[in-house]
Every structure is written in structure tokens, then in C-alpha cells.
C-alpha atoms as a PDB file:
ATOM      1  CA  MET A   1     -86.142-127.476  65.255  1.00  0.00           C
ATOM      2  CA  LYS A   2     -87.060-130.187  67.697  1.00  0.00           C
ATOM      3  CA  PHE A   3     -85.010-130.979  70.767  1.00  0.00           C
ATOM      4  CA  PHE A   4     -85.273-134.286  72.573  1.00  0.00           C
ATOM      5  CA  ILE A   5     -83.650-134.789  75.964  1.00  0.00           C
ATOM      6  CA  CYS A   6     -82.486-138.314  76.700  1.00  0.00           C
ATOM      7  CA  PHE A   7     -81.150-139.458  80.039  1.00  0.00           C
ATOM      8  CA  LEU A   8     -78.652-142.205  79.374  1.00  0.00           C
ATOM      9  CA  LEU A   9     -77.922-144.631  82.153  1.00  0.00           C
ATOM     10  CA  LEU A  10     -74.935-146.949  82.214  1.00  0.00           C
ATOM     11  CA  ALA A  11     -77.077-149.767  80.878  1.00  0.00           C
ATOM     12  CA  GLY A  12     -78.384-147.461  78.169  1.00  0.00           C
ATOM     13  CA  ILE A  13     -82.058-146.506  77.897  1.00  0.00           C
ATOM     14  CA  SER A  14     -83.598-145.264  74.641  1.00  0.00           C
ATOM     15  CA  CYS A  15     -86.115-142.440  74.775  1.00  0.00           C
ATOM     16  CA  SER A  16     -89.117-141.976  72.511  1.00  0.00           C
ATOM     17  CA  LYS A  17     -90.454-138.815  70.919  1.00  0.00           C
ATOM     18  CA  LYS A  18     -93.699-137.335  72.112  1.00  0.00           C
ATOM     19  CA  ILE A  19     -96.043-136.918  69.183  1.00  0.00           C
ATOM     20  CA  ILE A  20     -97.776-133.541  69.280  1.00  0.00           C
ATOM     21  CA  PRO A  21    -101.087-133.194  67.427  1.00  0.00           C
ATOM     22  CA  GLY A  22    -100.631-131.112  64.293  1.00  0.00           C
ATOM     23  CA  SER A  23     -96.857-131.631  64.192  1.00  0.00           C
ATOM     24  CA  SER A  24     -94.979-133.266  61.331  1.00  0.00           C
ATOM     25  CA  GLU A  25     -94.669-136.408  63.469  1.00  0.00           C
ATOM     26  CA  SER A  26     -98.443-136.607  63.927  1.00  0.00           C
ATOM     27  CA  ARG A  27     -99.073-136.086  60.224  1.00  0.00           C
ATOM     28  CA  LYS A  28     -96.821-139.060  59.460  1.00  0.00           C
ATOM     29  CA  ASN A  29     -98.990-141.183  61.778  1.00  0.00           C
ATOM     30  CA  ILE A  30    -102.362-140.278  60.265  1.00  0.00           C
ATOM     31  CA  THR A  31    -104.186-143.416  59.170  1.00  0.00           C
ATOM     32  CA  GLN A  32    -107.414-141.935  57.807  1.00  0.00           C
ATOM     33  CA  GLU A  33    -109.927-139.124  58.023  1.00  0.00           C
ATOM     34  CA  LEU A  34    -113.149-139.448  59.951  1.00  0.00           C
ATOM     35  CA  ALA A  35    -116.161-137.202  59.289  1.00  0.00           C
ATOM     36  CA  ILE A  36    -118.484-136.776  62.279  1.00  0.00           C
ATOM     37  CA  LEU A  37    -121.957-135.220  62.051  1.00  0.00           C
ATOM     38  CA  CYS A  38    -123.903-134.061  65.105  1.00  0.00           C
ATOM     39  CA  TYR A  39    -127.577-133.273  64.544  1.00  0.00           C
ATOM     40  CA  ASN A  40    -130.552-132.601  66.793  1.00  0.00           C
ATOM     41  CA  ILE A  41    -133.312-133.630  64.374  1.00  0.00           C
ATOM     42  CA  ARG A  42    -136.422-132.499  66.342  1.00  0.00           C
ATOM     43  CA  HIS A  43    -138.038-135.907  65.663  1.00  0.00           C
ATOM     44  CA  ALA A  44    -137.883-135.009  61.945  1.00  0.00           C
ATOM     45  CA  ASN A  45    -140.526-132.312  62.355  1.00  0.00           C
ATOM     46  CA  PRO A  46    -139.618-129.247  60.262  1.00  0.00           C
ATOM     47  CA  PRO A  47    -140.344-126.048  62.276  1.00  0.00           C
ATOM     48  CA  SER A  48    -142.145-124.528  59.300  1.00  0.00           C
ATOM     49  CA  LYS A  49    -144.515-127.525  59.102  1.00  0.00           C
ATOM     50  CA  PRO A  50    -145.763-128.237  62.654  1.00  0.00           C
ATOM     51  CA  ASN A  51    -147.907-131.229  61.692  1.00  0.00           C
ATOM     52  CA  GLU A  52    -145.497-133.010  59.362  1.00  0.00           C
ATOM     53  CA  ILE A  53    -142.741-135.598  59.809  1.00  0.00           C
ATOM     54  CA  ASP A  54    -140.080-135.465  57.091  1.00  0.00           C
ATOM     55  CA  LEU A  55    -137.485-138.162  57.697  1.00  0.00           C
ATOM     56  CA  GLN A  56    -136.362-137.959  54.095  1.00  0.00           C
ATOM     57  CA  ALA A  57    -135.279-134.348  54.660  1.00  0.00           C
ATOM     58  CA  ILE A  58    -133.097-135.428  57.581  1.00  0.00           C
ATOM     59  CA  ALA A  59    -131.678-138.282  55.518  1.00  0.00           C
ATOM     60  CA  ASN A  60    -130.897-135.892  52.678  1.00  0.00           C
ATOM     61  CA  VAL A  61    -128.952-133.617  55.028  1.00  0.00           C
ATOM     62  CA  ILE A  62    -126.932-136.572  56.287  1.00  0.00           C
ATOM     63  CA  LYS A  63    -126.236-138.002  52.834  1.00  0.00           C
ATOM     64  CA  LYS A  64    -125.140-134.643  51.465  1.00  0.00           C
ATOM     65  CA  GLN A  65    -122.423-134.322  54.128  1.00  0.00           C
ATOM     66  CA  LYS A  66    -121.209-137.926  53.668  1.00  0.00           C
ATOM     67  CA  PRO A  67    -120.299-138.526  57.336  1.00  0.00           C
ATOM     68  CA  ASP A  68    -118.703-141.696  58.665  1.00  0.00           C
ATOM     69  CA  ILE A  69    -120.492-141.499  62.022  1.00  0.00           C
ATOM     70  CA  VAL A  70    -123.566-139.517  63.060  1.00  0.00           C
ATOM     71  CA  ALA A  71    -124.839-138.510  66.511  1.00  0.00           C
ATOM     72  CA  LEU A  72    -128.591-137.832  66.491  1.00  0.00           C
ATOM     73  CA  GLN A  73    -130.698-136.294  69.241  1.00  0.00           C
ATOM     74  CA  GLU A  74    -134.490-136.050  69.680  1.00  0.00           C
ATOM     75  CA  VAL A  75    -135.229-139.315  67.916  1.00  0.00           C
ATOM     76  CA  ASP A  76    -138.668-140.978  68.050  1.00  0.00           C
ATOM     77  CA  VAL A  77    -139.308-144.708  67.962  1.00  0.00           C
ATOM     78  CA  HIS A  78    -142.920-145.901  67.544  1.00  0.00           C
ATOM     79  CA  THR A  79    -144.457-142.693  68.932  1.00  0.00           C
ATOM     80  CA  ASN A  80    -147.939-141.581  67.961  1.00  0.00           C
ATOM     81  CA  ARG A  81    -146.728-138.166  66.824  1.00  0.00           C
ATOM     82  CA  SER A  82    -144.161-139.603  64.398  1.00  0.00           C
ATOM     83  CA  GLY A  83    -145.995-142.791  63.438  1.00  0.00           C
ATOM     84  CA  PRO A  84    -146.515-145.860  65.658  1.00  0.00           C
ATOM     85  CA  GLY A  85    -144.882-148.103  63.069  1.00  0.00           C
ATOM     86  CA  ILE A  86    -141.827-145.913  62.548  1.00  0.00           C
ATOM     87  CA  ASN A  87    -138.461-146.469  64.203  1.00  0.00           C
ATOM     88  CA  GLN A  88    -136.767-143.236  63.153  1.00  0.00           C
ATOM     89  CA  ALA A  89    -133.251-144.447  63.929  1.00  0.00           C
ATOM     90  CA  LYS A  90    -133.697-147.626  61.920  1.00  0.00           C
ATOM     91  CA  GLU A  91    -135.382-145.808  59.044  1.00  0.00           C
ATOM     92  CA  LEU A  92    -132.657-143.166  58.862  1.00  0.00           C
ATOM     93  CA  GLY A  93    -130.122-145.968  58.785  1.00  0.00           C
ATOM     94  CA  ARG A  94    -131.975-147.496  55.845  1.00  0.00           C
ATOM     95  CA  LEU A  95    -132.322-144.193  53.997  1.00  0.00           C
ATOM     96  CA  THR A  96    -128.638-143.321  54.420  1.00  0.00           C
ATOM     97  CA  GLY A  97    -127.177-146.803  54.032  1.00  0.00           C
ATOM     98  CA  MET A  98    -125.673-146.689  57.525  1.00  0.00           C
ATOM     99  CA  LYS A  99    -125.828-148.967  60.542  1.00  0.00           C
ATOM    100  CA  SER A 100    -128.097-147.632  63.278  1.00  0.00           C
ATOM    101  CA  TRP A 101    -128.600-147.937  66.999  1.00  0.00           C
ATOM    102  CA  PHE A 102    -131.169-146.199  69.199  1.00  0.00           C
ATOM    103  CA  ALA A 103    -130.808-145.456  72.919  1.00  0.00           C
ATOM    104  CA  LYS A 104    -134.013-144.660  74.797  1.00  0.00           C
ATOM    105  CA  ALA A 105    -134.034-141.753  77.230  1.00  0.00           C
ATOM    106  CA  ILE A 106    -137.745-141.826  78.101  1.00  0.00           C
ATOM    107  CA  ASP A 107    -141.034-143.459  77.231  1.00  0.00           C
ATOM    108  CA  TYR A 108    -143.019-140.952  75.210  1.00  0.00           C
ATOM    109  CA  ASP A 109    -146.397-140.736  73.441  1.00  0.00           C
ATOM    110  CA  GLY A 110    -146.926-144.460  73.122  1.00  0.00           C
ATOM    111  CA  GLY A 111    -143.323-145.163  72.144  1.00  0.00           C
ATOM    112  CA  GLU A 112    -139.777-144.122  72.996  1.00  0.00           C
ATOM    113  CA  TYR A 113    -137.674-140.981  72.648  1.00  0.00           C
ATOM    114  CA  GLY A 114    -133.912-140.570  72.873  1.00  0.00           C
ATOM    115  CA  VAL A 115    -130.689-140.446  70.887  1.00  0.00           C
ATOM    116  CA  ALA A 116    -129.197-142.550  68.128  1.00  0.00           C
ATOM    117  CA  ILE A 117    -125.921-143.397  66.444  1.00  0.00           C
ATOM    118  CA  LEU A 118    -125.505-144.029  62.719  1.00  0.00           C
ATOM    119  CA  SER A 119    -122.249-145.474  61.421  1.00  0.00           C
ATOM    120  CA  LYS A 120    -120.714-146.328  58.092  1.00  0.00           C
ATOM    121  CA  TYR A 121    -118.483-148.775  59.956  1.00  0.00           C
ATOM    122  CA  PRO A 122    -119.314-151.793  62.160  1.00  0.00           C
ATOM    123  CA  ILE A 123    -120.511-151.033  65.682  1.00  0.00           C
ATOM    124  CA  GLU A 124    -120.546-153.257  68.749  1.00  0.00           C
ATOM    125  CA  ASN A 125    -120.778-153.189  72.554  1.00  0.00           C
ATOM    126  CA  MET A 126    -123.583-150.640  72.477  1.00  0.00           C
ATOM    127  CA  LYS A 127    -124.525-149.270  75.896  1.00  0.00           C
ATOM    128  CA  ASN A 128    -127.300-147.003  77.092  1.00  0.00           C
ATOM    129  CA  THR A 129    -126.444-145.293  80.380  1.00  0.00           C
ATOM    130  CA  PRO A 130    -129.089-143.141  82.128  1.00  0.00           C
ATOM    131  CA  LEU A 131    -127.858-139.759  83.318  1.00  0.00           C
ATOM    132  CA  PRO A 132    -128.785-138.251  86.696  1.00  0.00           C
ATOM    133  CA  THR A 133    -131.524-135.710  87.294  1.00  0.00           C
ATOM    134  CA  ALA A 134    -131.757-133.855  90.603  1.00  0.00           C
ATOM    135  CA  GLU A 135    -134.829-134.617  92.676  1.00  0.00           C
ATOM    136  CA  GLY A 136    -137.413-131.850  92.616  1.00  0.00           C
ATOM    137  CA  THR A 137    -136.222-130.232  89.409  1.00  0.00           C
ATOM    138  CA  ASN A 138    -138.736-131.998  87.150  1.00  0.00           C
ATOM    139  CA  GLY A 139    -135.995-132.384  84.578  1.00  0.00           C
ATOM    140  CA  GLU A 140    -136.522-134.757  81.669  1.00  0.00           C
ATOM    141  CA  HIS A 141    -134.420-137.893  81.998  1.00  0.00           C
ATOM    142  CA  ARG A 142    -131.449-138.008  79.629  1.00  0.00           C
ATOM    143  CA  THR A 143    -128.993-140.689  78.545  1.00  0.00           C
ATOM    144  CA  LEU A 144    -125.513-141.409  77.212  1.00  0.00           C
ATOM    145  CA  ALA A 145    -125.295-143.760  74.228  1.00  0.00           C
ATOM    146  CA  THR A 146    -121.936-145.386  73.505  1.00  0.00           C
ATOM    147  CA  ALA A 147    -120.708-147.849  70.914  1.00  0.00           C
ATOM    148  CA  ILE A 148    -117.362-149.208  69.815  1.00  0.00           C
ATOM    149  CA  VAL A 149    -116.760-148.429  66.152  1.00  0.00           C
ATOM    150  CA  THR A 150    -114.261-150.487  64.178  1.00  0.00           C
ATOM    151  CA  LEU A 151    -112.554-148.324  61.573  1.00  0.00           C
ATOM    152  CA  PRO A 152    -110.458-149.602  58.646  1.00  0.00           C
ATOM    153  CA  ARG A 153    -107.183-151.321  59.608  1.00  0.00           C
ATOM    154  CA  ASN A 154    -109.010-152.614  62.702  1.00  0.00           C
ATOM    155  CA  LYS A 155    -108.658-149.282  64.498  1.00  0.00           C
ATOM    156  CA  LYS A 156    -111.270-149.070  67.251  1.00  0.00           C
ATOM    157  CA  ILE A 157    -112.749-145.991  68.890  1.00  0.00           C
ATOM    158  CA  LEU A 158    -115.562-145.384  71.350  1.00  0.00           C
ATOM    159  CA  PHE A 159    -118.268-143.101  70.002  1.00  0.00           C
ATOM    160  CA  ALA A 160    -120.655-141.386  72.398  1.00  0.00           C
ATOM    161  CA  CYS A 161    -123.850-139.443  71.802  1.00  0.00           C
ATOM    162  CA  THR A 162    -125.825-137.442  74.353  1.00  0.00           C
ATOM    163  CA  HIS A 163    -128.457-134.757  74.870  1.00  0.00           C
ATOM    164  CA  LEU A 164    -128.280-132.880  78.153  1.00  0.00           C
ATOM    165  CA  ASP A 165    -131.047-131.268  80.204  1.00  0.00           C
ATOM    166  CA  ALA A 166    -132.744-128.224  78.657  1.00  0.00           C
ATOM    167  CA  GLN A 167    -133.766-126.323  81.788  1.00  0.00           C
ATOM    168  CA  VAL A 168    -132.479-122.787  82.321  1.00  0.00           C
ATOM    169  CA  ASN A 169    -130.536-123.738  85.449  1.00  0.00           C
ATOM    170  CA  ASP A 170    -127.323-125.755  84.998  1.00  0.00           C
ATOM    171  CA  THR A 171    -128.093-128.085  87.931  1.00  0.00           C
ATOM    172  CA  ASN A 172    -128.961-131.200  85.942  1.00  0.00           C
ATOM    173  CA  ARG A 173    -126.511-130.516  83.127  1.00  0.00           C
ATOM    174  CA  LEU A 174    -123.654-130.342  85.618  1.00  0.00           C
ATOM    175  CA  LEU A 175    -124.719-133.626  87.197  1.00  0.00           C
ATOM    176  CA  GLN A 176    -124.958-135.173  83.752  1.00  0.00           C
ATOM    177  CA  ILE A 177    -121.636-133.940  82.349  1.00  0.00           C
ATOM    178  CA  ASN A 178    -119.828-135.099  85.479  1.00  0.00           C
ATOM    179  CA  LYS A 179    -121.426-138.539  85.138  1.00  0.00           C
ATOM    180  CA  ILE A 180    -120.371-138.647  81.473  1.00  0.00           C
ATOM    181  CA  LEU A 181    -116.770-137.768  82.335  1.00  0.00           C
ATOM    182  CA  LYS A 182    -116.698-140.377  85.098  1.00  0.00           C
ATOM    183  CA  ILE A 183    -117.737-143.025  82.581  1.00  0.00           C
ATOM    184  CA  LEU A 184    -115.586-141.974  79.649  1.00  0.00           C
ATOM    185  CA  LYS A 185    -112.403-141.298  81.635  1.00  0.00           C
ATOM    186  CA  MET A 186    -112.228-145.036  82.318  1.00  0.00           C
ATOM    187  CA  GLU A 187    -112.222-145.841  78.603  1.00  0.00           C
ATOM    188  CA  THR A 188    -108.947-147.159  77.160  1.00  0.00           C
ATOM    189  CA  LEU A 189    -109.932-146.525  73.524  1.00  0.00           C
ATOM    190  CA  PRO A 190    -109.887-143.071  71.906  1.00  0.00           C
ATOM    191  CA  VAL A 191    -113.262-141.399  72.495  1.00  0.00           C
ATOM    192  CA  ILE A 192    -115.362-139.061  70.377  1.00  0.00           C
ATOM    193  CA  ILE A 193    -118.457-137.519  71.938  1.00  0.00           C
ATOM    194  CA  ALA A 194    -121.083-135.481  70.125  1.00  0.00           C
ATOM    195  CA  GLY A 195    -124.404-134.045  71.131  1.00  0.00           C
ATOM    196  CA  ASP A 196    -126.706-131.242  72.109  1.00  0.00           C
ATOM    197  CA  PHE A 197    -125.340-130.087  75.464  1.00  0.00           C
ATOM    198  CA  ASN A 198    -127.861-127.243  75.888  1.00  0.00           C
ATOM    199  CA  ALA A 199    -124.975-125.143  77.199  1.00  0.00           C
ATOM    200  CA  THR A 200    -122.983-122.280  75.713  1.00  0.00           C
ATOM    201  CA  PRO A 201    -119.163-122.315  75.479  1.00  0.00           C
ATOM    202  CA  SER A 202    -118.793-119.985  78.500  1.00  0.00           C
ATOM    203  CA  SER A 203    -120.929-122.183  80.776  1.00  0.00           C
ATOM    204  CA  LYS A 204    -119.673-124.334  83.634  1.00  0.00           C
ATOM    205  CA  VAL A 205    -120.976-127.357  81.770  1.00  0.00           C
ATOM    206  CA  ILE A 206    -118.704-126.843  78.771  1.00  0.00           C
ATOM    207  CA  GLY A 207    -115.881-125.785  81.059  1.00  0.00           C
ATOM    208  CA  THR A 208    -116.227-129.187  82.723  1.00  0.00           C
ATOM    209  CA  LEU A 209    -116.259-130.924  79.327  1.00  0.00           C
ATOM    210  CA  ASP A 210    -113.076-129.056  78.412  1.00  0.00           C
ATOM    211  CA  ASN A 211    -111.289-130.432  81.475  1.00  0.00           C
ATOM    212  CA  TYR A 212    -110.942-133.752  79.649  1.00  0.00           C
ATOM    213  CA  PHE A 213    -112.101-133.377  76.057  1.00  0.00           C
ATOM    214  CA  THR A 214    -110.870-131.282  73.157  1.00  0.00           C
ATOM    215  CA  ARG A 215    -113.695-129.602  71.265  1.00  0.00           C
ATOM    216  CA  THR A 216    -113.379-129.434  67.480  1.00  0.00           C
ATOM    217  CA  CYS A 217    -114.020-125.702  67.650  1.00  0.00           C
ATOM    218  CA  ILE A 218    -112.883-123.544  70.557  1.00  0.00           C
ATOM    219  CA  SER A 219    -113.148-119.918  69.423  1.00  0.00           C
ATOM    220  CA  GLY A 220    -115.023-118.041  66.737  1.00  0.00           C
ATOM    221  CA  CYS A 221    -117.409-120.963  66.330  1.00  0.00           C
ATOM    222  CA  GLN A 222    -120.625-120.563  64.372  1.00  0.00           C
ATOM    223  CA  PHE A 223    -123.907-120.628  66.248  1.00  0.00           C
ATOM    224  CA  THR A 224    -126.058-123.760  66.026  1.00  0.00           C
ATOM    225  CA  ILE A 225    -129.513-122.599  67.128  1.00  0.00           C
ATOM    226  CA  PRO A 226    -132.037-121.350  66.083  1.00  0.00           C
ATOM    227  CA  VAL A 227    -131.795-122.044  62.369  1.00  0.00           C
ATOM    228  CA  ILE A 228    -133.153-118.614  61.443  1.00  0.00           C
ATOM    229  CA  VAL A 229    -130.706-115.968  62.680  1.00  0.00           C
ATOM    230  CA  PRO A 230    -128.869-118.294  65.106  1.00  0.00           C
ATOM    231  CA  THR A 231    -127.735-116.734  68.373  1.00  0.00           C
ATOM    232  CA  LYS A 232    -125.845-119.383  70.345  1.00  0.00           C
ATOM    233  CA  THR A 233    -123.765-122.541  70.183  1.00  0.00           C
ATOM    234  CA  ILE A 234    -125.004-125.580  72.126  1.00  0.00           C
ATOM    235  CA  ASP A 235    -124.116-128.504  69.820  1.00  0.00           C
ATOM    236  CA  TYR A 236    -120.575-129.892  70.009  1.00  0.00           C
ATOM    237  CA  ILE A 237    -118.158-132.577  68.880  1.00  0.00           C
ATOM    238  CA  ALA A 238    -115.166-133.361  71.097  1.00  0.00           C
ATOM    239  CA  PHE A 239    -112.541-136.054  71.587  1.00  0.00           C
ATOM    240  CA  ALA A 240    -110.027-137.508  74.043  1.00  0.00           C
ATOM    241  CA  PRO A 241    -107.193-137.962  74.468  1.00  0.00           C
ATOM    242  CA  ALA A 242    -105.894-134.972  72.540  1.00  0.00           C
ATOM    243  CA  SER A 243    -103.134-137.086  71.009  1.00  0.00           C
ATOM    244  CA  SER A 244    -105.603-139.413  69.240  1.00  0.00           C
ATOM    245  CA  PHE A 245    -106.868-137.047  66.558  1.00  0.00           C
ATOM    246  CA  VAL A 246    -105.966-133.961  64.560  1.00  0.00           C
ATOM    247  CA  ILE A 247    -108.737-131.520  63.695  1.00  0.00           C
ATOM    248  CA  LYS A 248    -108.850-130.974  59.949  1.00  0.00           C
ATOM    249  CA  ASP A 249    -112.164-129.143  59.634  1.00  0.00           C
ATOM    250  CA  HIS A 250    -115.170-127.957  61.610  1.00  0.00           C
ATOM    251  CA  LYS A 251    -118.260-126.265  60.257  1.00  0.00           C
ATOM    252  CA  VAL A 252    -121.910-125.629  60.952  1.00  0.00           C
ATOM    253  CA  ILE A 253    -124.134-126.582  58.030  1.00  0.00           C
ATOM    254  CA  ASP A 254    -126.562-123.918  56.804  1.00  0.00           C
ATOM    255  CA  GLU A 255    -129.675-126.135  56.697  1.00  0.00           C
ATOM    256  CA  LYS A 256    -132.774-124.219  57.711  1.00  0.00           C
ATOM    257  CA  TYR A 257    -135.674-126.529  56.840  1.00  0.00           C
ATOM    258  CA  ALA A 258    -135.331-129.968  58.398  1.00  0.00           C
ATOM    259  CA  SER A 259    -134.866-129.124  62.096  1.00  0.00           C
ATOM    260  CA  ASP A 260    -134.609-126.259  64.600  1.00  0.00           C
ATOM    261  CA  HIS A 261    -130.888-127.006  65.079  1.00  0.00           C
ATOM    262  CA  LEU A 262    -128.138-126.566  62.518  1.00  0.00           C
ATOM    263  CA  PRO A 263    -126.063-129.724  61.986  1.00  0.00           C
ATOM    264  CA  VAL A 264    -122.384-129.670  62.949  1.00  0.00           C
ATOM    265  CA  LEU A 265    -119.728-131.450  60.883  1.00  0.00           C
ATOM    266  CA  SER A 266    -116.149-132.098  61.991  1.00  0.00           C
ATOM    267  CA  VAL A 267    -113.436-133.898  60.066  1.00  0.00           C
ATOM    268  CA  LEU A 268    -110.788-135.559  62.225  1.00  0.00           C
ATOM    269  CA  GLN A 269    -107.545-137.156  61.155  1.00  0.00           C
ATOM    270  CA  VAL A 270    -107.085-140.385  63.074  1.00  0.00           C
ATOM    271  CA  LEU A 271    -103.631-141.062  64.497  1.00  0.00           C
ATOM    272  CA  GLN A 272    -102.446-144.634  64.483  1.00  0.00           C
ATOM    273  CA  GLY A 273    -100.884-144.464  67.923  1.00  0.00           C
ATOM    274  CA  ARG A 274     -97.490-145.695  69.014  1.00  0.00           C
ATOM    275  CA  LYS A 275     -96.088-148.795  70.628  1.00  0.00           C
ATOM    276  CA  GLU A 276     -94.174-147.801  73.738  1.00  0.00           C
END
């Protein structure tokens, strides 16, 4: 039974119900389901084949899961190791029939290296925001890629993709996650972020993420790396505010060939929101 407390003034003021994610009220306000895939693709180099690039294998993984939006990390564009004429983000978009956008983190091997977003739906206002690295740490520069995605019924969300520092010490990751939160807290649209955070759930980095975002899996989550006998979780999908989505499903895909990370798939139910 639900109880709603209204304070009635002489003039009379109506009060509205607070919609709680997962409640019957929220289910009535679901507009659609949104499948999100997060995948560190290791520049499409299968671990079992050190000298090969297999973009088709990555595309096959994506197509099999039928996501609406994909966050990709470790993406090469025009590098010597992956092929000077190959833009991996653009090619994966072509192979999957999705729109693509690449965000450079660094210049690498004659080309560029960074993250990418693939989307079934239109994307606009793409931004590439460099993330901080502490002086003297020799950390690799990282970035935050964001894009506004227009869903059916003209529902707009901000989608973000990132790949945080991989050093043992949390120094750079903490700088980077705090920069990400500073940026995304100012956003008025619902936000989904996905990426390789290089941090386990018990770390300060993920604790900081949890201060604002809701992860699609909080406890008992499957490990995401390595692909053979995985031992830890470092790849995540999260959203804010909590009232914007309902988590329908979360799983780690058992795909051992294409990359050294296991892909993560979350299905969110999108809430239509309320007029106050």
C-alpha cells in the first residue's frame, strides 16, 4: 500500500507522487527498452592471434547481442598495426549497420587511438574531453566521449564512453573519475556511461562513481577480464539519475576469442519522465 502525504493550504495545493524505479508507477511510465553494450576490443587483435586484426569478429559479437548503443574502448584509427587505411570505428559502424563516432585519446603508431560510440539511433553534439593525468606518473592520456542520442518518441539521453588509466596506483583514475563526474553532473538529460574503468568494485574509483551513478550490477557481478578464467570486474555500465531508468537485465557475454575483455550487456527500461 502506498501512502502519500499532502499538505493542504487554504488556497489548496496539489501534491504529486514520487515515482520509484521498479515500482508499479515506474512500470507504467516505461517508454521503451534500451540495450547497451560495453566492449574493450583490444584494437580487434584476438589474444590467440598476436599478429592478426579481426574486425569482423568484433562486429559479429556486437551483431549477435543486438545492442542499441555500444561503448568501445581501445579503438585504432589509421594506425600501422591495424592498417593505415582502416578507421576501426567507422568500419565497425559499417559492419554492424550502426552510426559511429570516434574520440581520440592519443596519437599512436602513425594514427590515432581512443574510444568510440556506435548507435542504432541518431547522434549529435559529440564531444571529446581530455581527462587529467598527474605530472610525473607517465600515465597514458585518456578521454571522455559524449554524444546526445535521440531515441524514439524524441526522447534524448546523453551517452558517455571512457577508458580510465591502467596503472596500478589509483592516482590518475581518481583524477579522471572526478573530472567525469564534474562534467556529467551538469547535464540536464539522463546520462548513461559505459567503459573500462580499470578499477574493481571495491576501489575508491568505483566508490566515487557510485556517489552519483547507479551501476547496472552492484553485487554478485560476473568478472570481465581476462577472458580465460576471469578474475575481476573492471568494465561497467551506469546511469543517472536513478529515476530515469529501470534495470531489466545485466550480463557478461562469454566471448573468449575476439578480445582480452568480455563484453558487458545491460538492458534498461527508459522512463518517460514527468511534468511537474
